[in-house]
Amino acid sequence: MSDMIIVKAKIKEFAKCDDKKLNVSGEFAEQLDKKVKCLIQDACRRAKENNRNTVMKKDL
């Protein structure tokens, strides 16, 4: 498995509902990491298709 780019501790900090902290499974963090990596790869592809070397918010 490659290195995670998502910080699990930050997910746990953010995972709240009605100001009550929720538990976060390791599987959730791994799946979120995969989704974020796909978003980044897609954004990079769009930037290159538009002849840019800078990934911008519009690439999302």
PDB file of N, CA and C in Angstrom:
ATOM      1  N   MET A   1       0.837  -1.175   0.000  1.00  0.00           N
ATOM      2  CA  MET A   1       0.000   0.000   0.000  1.00  0.00           C
ATOM      3  C   MET A   1       0.882   1.238   0.000  1.00  0.00           C
ATOM      4  N   SER A   2       0.519   2.231  -0.798  1.00  0.00           N
ATOM      5  CA  SER A   2       1.308   3.453  -0.861  1.00  0.00           C
ATOM      6  C   SER A   2       1.034   4.328   0.354  1.00  0.00           C
ATOM      7  N   ASP A   3       1.840   5.349   0.517  1.00  0.00           N
ATOM      8  CA  ASP A   3       1.680   6.246   1.660  1.00  0.00           C
ATOM      9  C   ASP A   3       0.355   6.986   1.594  1.00  0.00           C
ATOM     10  N   MET A   4      -0.240   7.170   2.752  1.00  0.00           N
ATOM     11  CA  MET A   4      -1.498   7.908   2.849  1.00  0.00           C
ATOM     12  C   MET A   4      -1.182   9.402   2.770  1.00  0.00           C
ATOM     13  N   ILE A   5      -2.043  10.131   2.064  1.00  0.00           N
ATOM     14  CA  ILE A   5      -1.888  11.578   2.030  1.00  0.00           C
ATOM     15  C   ILE A   5      -2.911  12.250   2.945  1.00  0.00           C
ATOM     16  N   ILE A   6      -3.839  11.470   3.421  1.00  0.00           N
ATOM     17  CA  ILE A   6      -4.854  11.954   4.356  1.00  0.00           C
ATOM     18  C   ILE A   6      -4.321  11.731   5.779  1.00  0.00           C
ATOM     19  N   VAL A   7      -4.524  12.713   6.636  1.00  0.00           N
ATOM     20  CA  VAL A   7      -4.077  12.598   8.027  1.00  0.00           C
ATOM     21  C   VAL A   7      -5.246  12.075   8.875  1.00  0.00           C
ATOM     22  N   LYS A   8      -5.098  10.861   9.372  1.00  0.00           N
ATOM     23  CA  LYS A   8      -6.171  10.216  10.127  1.00  0.00           C
ATOM     24  C   LYS A   8      -6.588  11.039  11.350  1.00  0.00           C
ATOM     25  N   ALA A   9      -5.628  11.638  12.026  1.00  0.00           N
ATOM     26  CA  ALA A   9      -5.940  12.430  13.216  1.00  0.00           C
ATOM     27  C   ALA A   9      -6.834  13.615  12.861  1.00  0.00           C
ATOM     28  N   LYS A  10      -6.626  14.200  11.698  1.00  0.00           N
ATOM     29  CA  LYS A  10      -7.447  15.337  11.268  1.00  0.00           C
ATOM     30  C   LYS A  10      -8.866  14.891  10.935  1.00  0.00           C
ATOM     31  N   ILE A  11      -8.999  13.696  10.373  1.00  0.00           N
ATOM     32  CA  ILE A  11     -10.336  13.156  10.088  1.00  0.00           C
ATOM     33  C   ILE A  11     -11.080  12.995  11.410  1.00  0.00           C
ATOM     34  N   LYS A  12     -10.406  12.420  12.397  1.00  0.00           N
ATOM     35  CA  LYS A  12     -11.029  12.194  13.700  1.00  0.00           C
ATOM     36  C   LYS A  12     -11.437  13.508  14.355  1.00  0.00           C
ATOM     37  N   GLU A  13     -10.609  14.552  14.184  1.00  0.00           N
ATOM     38  CA  GLU A  13     -10.937  15.874  14.716  1.00  0.00           C
ATOM     39  C   GLU A  13     -12.199  16.433  14.073  1.00  0.00           C
ATOM     40  N   PHE A  14     -12.345  16.210  12.786  1.00  0.00           N
ATOM     41  CA  PHE A  14     -13.419  16.804  11.995  1.00  0.00           C
ATOM     42  C   PHE A  14     -14.721  16.018  12.042  1.00  0.00           C
ATOM     43  N   ALA A  15     -14.643  14.731  12.357  1.00  0.00           N
ATOM     44  CA  ALA A  15     -15.810  13.849  12.308  1.00  0.00           C
ATOM     45  C   ALA A  15     -16.730  14.102  13.502  1.00  0.00           C
ATOM     46  N   LYS A  16     -17.668  15.017  13.292  1.00  0.00           N
ATOM     47  CA  LYS A  16     -18.622  15.376  14.343  1.00  0.00           C
ATOM     48  C   LYS A  16     -20.009  15.493  13.740  1.00  0.00           C
ATOM     49  N   CYS A  17     -20.989  15.267  14.569  1.00  0.00           N
ATOM     50  CA  CYS A  17     -22.384  15.484  14.193  1.00  0.00           C
ATOM     51  C   CYS A  17     -23.065  16.091  15.407  1.00  0.00           C
ATOM     52  N   ASP A  18     -23.666  17.237  15.240  1.00  0.00           N
ATOM     53  CA  ASP A  18     -24.283  17.955  16.361  1.00  0.00           C
ATOM     54  C   ASP A  18     -23.275  18.159  17.502  1.00  0.00           C
ATOM     55  N   ASP A  19     -22.059  18.529  17.125  1.00  0.00           N
ATOM     56  CA  ASP A  19     -20.954  18.769  18.075  1.00  0.00           C
ATOM     57  C   ASP A  19     -20.551  17.544  18.892  1.00  0.00           C
ATOM     58  N   LYS A  20     -20.987  16.375  18.472  1.00  0.00           N
ATOM     59  CA  LYS A  20     -20.579  15.144  19.149  1.00  0.00           C
ATOM     60  C   LYS A  20     -19.575  14.421  18.259  1.00  0.00           C
ATOM     61  N   LYS A  21     -18.424  14.076  18.833  1.00  0.00           N
ATOM     62  CA  LYS A  21     -17.389  13.372  18.071  1.00  0.00           C
ATOM     63  C   LYS A  21     -17.850  11.965  17.721  1.00  0.00           C
ATOM     64  N   LEU A  22     -17.512  11.553  16.513  1.00  0.00           N
ATOM     65  CA  LEU A  22     -17.831  10.204  16.054  1.00  0.00           C
ATOM     66  C   LEU A  22     -16.548   9.408  15.882  1.00  0.00           C
ATOM     67  N   ASN A  23     -16.630   8.108  16.015  1.00  0.00           N
ATOM     68  CA  ASN A  23     -15.492   7.235  15.753  1.00  0.00           C
ATOM     69  C   ASN A  23     -15.298   7.118  14.250  1.00  0.00           C
ATOM     70  N   VAL A  24     -14.046   6.919  13.851  1.00  0.00           N
ATOM     71  CA  VAL A  24     -13.714   6.783  12.429  1.00  0.00           C
ATOM     72  C   VAL A  24     -12.931   5.486  12.252  1.00  0.00           C
ATOM     73  N   SER A  25     -13.428   4.615  11.399  1.00  0.00           N
ATOM     74  CA  SER A  25     -12.729   3.345  11.173  1.00  0.00           C
ATOM     75  C   SER A  25     -11.524   3.562  10.265  1.00  0.00           C
ATOM     76  N   GLY A  26     -10.572   2.671  10.362  1.00  0.00           N
ATOM     77  CA  GLY A  26      -9.395   2.720   9.502  1.00  0.00           C
ATOM     78  C   GLY A  26      -9.774   2.559   8.039  1.00  0.00           C
ATOM     79  N   GLU A  27     -10.810   1.759   7.790  1.00  0.00           N
ATOM     80  CA  GLU A  27     -11.271   1.549   6.415  1.00  0.00           C
ATOM     81  C   GLU A  27     -11.809   2.839   5.813  1.00  0.00           C
ATOM     82  N   PHE A  28     -12.467   3.667   6.636  1.00  0.00           N
ATOM     83  CA  PHE A  28     -12.980   4.945   6.142  1.00  0.00           C
ATOM     84  C   PHE A  28     -11.818   5.827   5.688  1.00  0.00           C
ATOM     85  N   ALA A  29     -10.782   5.916   6.522  1.00  0.00           N
ATOM     86  CA  ALA A  29      -9.622   6.737   6.192  1.00  0.00           C
ATOM     87  C   ALA A  29      -8.958   6.248   4.902  1.00  0.00           C
ATOM     88  N   GLU A  30      -8.833   4.940   4.747  1.00  0.00           N
ATOM     89  CA  GLU A  30      -8.214   4.381   3.539  1.00  0.00           C
ATOM     90  C   GLU A  30      -9.040   4.691   2.294  1.00  0.00           C
ATOM     91  N   GLN A  31     -10.356   4.566   2.397  1.00  0.00           N
ATOM     92  CA  GLN A  31     -11.224   4.834   1.244  1.00  0.00           C
ATOM     93  C   GLN A  31     -11.221   6.320   0.898  1.00  0.00           C
ATOM     94  N   LEU A  32     -11.246   7.173   1.925  1.00  0.00           N
ATOM     95  CA  LEU A  32     -11.178   8.615   1.688  1.00  0.00           C
ATOM     96  C   LEU A  32      -9.867   8.975   1.006  1.00  0.00           C
ATOM     97  N   ASP A  33      -8.786   8.357   1.429  1.00  0.00           N
ATOM     98  CA  ASP A  33      -7.482   8.590   0.830  1.00  0.00           C
ATOM     99  C   ASP A  33      -7.500   8.225  -0.660  1.00  0.00           C
ATOM    100  N   LYS A  34      -8.111   7.094  -0.997  1.00  0.00           N
ATOM    101  CA  LYS A  34      -8.209   6.673  -2.401  1.00  0.00           C
ATOM    102  C   LYS A  34      -8.984   7.696  -3.224  1.00  0.00           C
ATOM    103  N   LYS A  35     -10.099   8.177  -2.671  1.00  0.00           N
ATOM    104  CA  LYS A  35     -10.926   9.155  -3.394  1.00  0.00           C
ATOM    105  C   LYS A  35     -10.173  10.467  -3.615  1.00  0.00           C
ATOM    106  N   VAL A  36      -9.464  10.909  -2.587  1.00  0.00           N
ATOM    107  CA  VAL A  36      -8.707  12.157  -2.705  1.00  0.00           C
ATOM    108  C   VAL A  36      -7.600  12.011  -3.752  1.00  0.00           C
ATOM    109  N   LYS A  37      -6.923  10.877  -3.748  1.00  0.00           N
ATOM    110  CA  LYS A  37      -5.878  10.640  -4.742  1.00  0.00           C
ATOM    111  C   LYS A  37      -6.456  10.656  -6.158  1.00  0.00           C
ATOM    112  N   CYS A  38      -7.629  10.079  -6.348  1.00  0.00           N
ATOM    113  CA  CYS A  38      -8.284  10.098  -7.665  1.00  0.00           C
ATOM    114  C   CYS A  38      -8.633  11.525  -8.070  1.00  0.00           C
ATOM    115  N   LEU A  39      -9.141  12.307  -7.137  1.00  0.00           N
ATOM    116  CA  LEU A  39      -9.458  13.714  -7.423  1.00  0.00           C
ATOM    117  C   LEU A  39      -8.210  14.471  -7.859  1.00  0.00           C
ATOM    118  N   ILE A  40      -7.109  14.242  -7.173  1.00  0.00           N
ATOM    119  CA  ILE A  40      -5.859  14.923  -7.508  1.00  0.00           C
ATOM    120  C   ILE A  40      -5.357  14.485  -8.876  1.00  0.00           C
ATOM    121  N   GLN A  41      -5.393  13.178  -9.150  1.00  0.00           N
ATOM    122  CA  GLN A  41      -4.940  12.680 -10.452  1.00  0.00           C
ATOM    123  C   GLN A  41      -5.788  13.257 -11.582  1.00  0.00           C
ATOM    124  N   ASP A  42      -7.102  13.298 -11.399  1.00  0.00           N
ATOM    125  CA  ASP A  42      -7.991  13.864 -12.420  1.00  0.00           C
ATOM    126  C   ASP A  42      -7.702  15.345 -12.638  1.00  0.00           C
ATOM    127  N   ALA A  43      -7.462  16.068 -11.556  1.00  0.00           N
ATOM    128  CA  ALA A  43      -7.159  17.498 -11.658  1.00  0.00           C
ATOM    129  C   ALA A  43      -5.834  17.715 -12.391  1.00  0.00           C
ATOM    130  N   CYS A  44      -4.864  16.886 -12.111  1.00  0.00           N
ATOM    131  CA  CYS A  44      -3.576  16.992 -12.801  1.00  0.00           C
ATOM    132  C   CYS A  44      -3.736  16.739 -14.302  1.00  0.00           C
ATOM    133  N   ARG A  45      -4.534  15.744 -14.630  1.00  0.00           N
ATOM    134  CA  ARG A  45      -4.783  15.435 -16.043  1.00  0.00           C
ATOM    135  C   ARG A  45      -5.442  16.624 -16.737  1.00  0.00           C
ATOM    136  N   ARG A  46      -6.432  17.232 -16.094  1.00  0.00           N
ATOM    137  CA  ARG A  46      -7.114  18.386 -16.682  1.00  0.00           C
ATOM    138  C   ARG A  46      -6.165  19.559 -16.882  1.00  0.00           C
ATOM    139  N   ALA A  47      -5.294  19.782 -15.912  1.00  0.00           N
ATOM    140  CA  ALA A  47      -4.318  20.867 -16.031  1.00  0.00           C
ATOM    141  C   ALA A  47      -3.415  20.624 -17.241  1.00  0.00           C
ATOM    142  N   LYS A  48      -2.919  19.416 -17.384  1.00  0.00           N
ATOM    143  CA  LYS A  48      -2.051  19.078 -18.523  1.00  0.00           C
ATOM    144  C   LYS A  48      -2.802  19.200 -19.848  1.00  0.00           C
ATOM    145  N   GLU A  49      -4.064  18.768 -19.881  1.00  0.00           N
ATOM    146  CA  GLU A  49      -4.863  18.874 -21.104  1.00  0.00           C
ATOM    147  C   GLU A  49      -5.061  20.333 -21.515  1.00  0.00           C
ATOM    148  N   ASN A  50      -4.992  21.227 -20.537  1.00  0.00           N
ATOM    149  CA  ASN A  50      -5.131  22.655 -20.805  1.00  0.00           C
ATOM    150  C   ASN A  50      -3.771  23.353 -20.870  1.00  0.00           C
ATOM    151  N   ASN A  51      -2.731  22.558 -21.101  1.00  0.00           N
ATOM    152  CA  ASN A  51      -1.363  23.064 -21.279  1.00  0.00           C
ATOM    153  C   ASN A  51      -0.874  23.903 -20.103  1.00  0.00           C
ATOM    154  N   ARG A  52      -1.203  23.455 -18.894  1.00  0.00           N
ATOM    155  CA  ARG A  52      -0.742  24.129 -17.691  1.00  0.00           C
ATOM    156  C   ARG A  52       0.056  23.161 -16.836  1.00  0.00           C
ATOM    157  N   ASN A  53       1.015  23.721 -16.100  1.00  0.00           N
ATOM    158  CA  ASN A  53       1.773  22.933 -15.133  1.00  0.00           C
ATOM    159  C   ASN A  53       1.317  23.237 -13.702  1.00  0.00           C
ATOM    160  N   THR A  54       0.265  24.018 -13.588  1.00  0.00           N
ATOM    161  CA  THR A  54      -0.267  24.377 -12.281  1.00  0.00           C
ATOM    162  C   THR A  54      -1.680  23.814 -12.155  1.00  0.00           C
ATOM    163  N   VAL A  55      -1.909  23.053 -11.112  1.00  0.00           N
ATOM    164  CA  VAL A  55      -3.244  22.518 -10.838  1.00  0.00           C
ATOM    165  C   VAL A  55      -4.006  23.590 -10.072  1.00  0.00           C
ATOM    166  N   MET A  56      -5.203  23.906 -10.562  1.00  0.00           N
ATOM    167  CA  MET A  56      -5.996  24.986  -9.981  1.00  0.00           C
ATOM    168  C   MET A  56      -7.346  24.453  -9.510  1.00  0.00           C
ATOM    169  N   LYS A  57      -8.057  25.290  -8.743  1.00  0.00           N
ATOM    170  CA  LYS A  57      -9.345  24.857  -8.214  1.00  0.00           C
ATOM    171  C   LYS A  57     -10.305  24.513  -9.342  1.00  0.00           C
ATOM    172  N   LYS A  58     -10.193  25.176 -10.480  1.00  0.00           N
ATOM    173  CA  LYS A  58     -11.081  24.891 -11.602  1.00  0.00           C
ATOM    174  C   LYS A  58     -10.854  23.498 -12.187  1.00  0.00           C
ATOM    175  N   ASP A  59      -9.737  22.864 -11.842  1.00  0.00           N
ATOM    176  CA  ASP A  59      -9.474  21.506 -12.330  1.00  0.00           C
ATOM    177  C   ASP A  59     -10.256  20.451 -11.544  1.00  0.00           C
ATOM    178  N   LEU A  60     -10.815  20.864 -10.429  1.00  0.00           N
ATOM    179  CA  LEU A  60     -11.648  19.950  -9.648  1.00  0.00           C
ATOM    180  C   LEU A  60     -13.041  19.936 -10.224  1.00  0.00           C
TER     181      LEU A  60
END
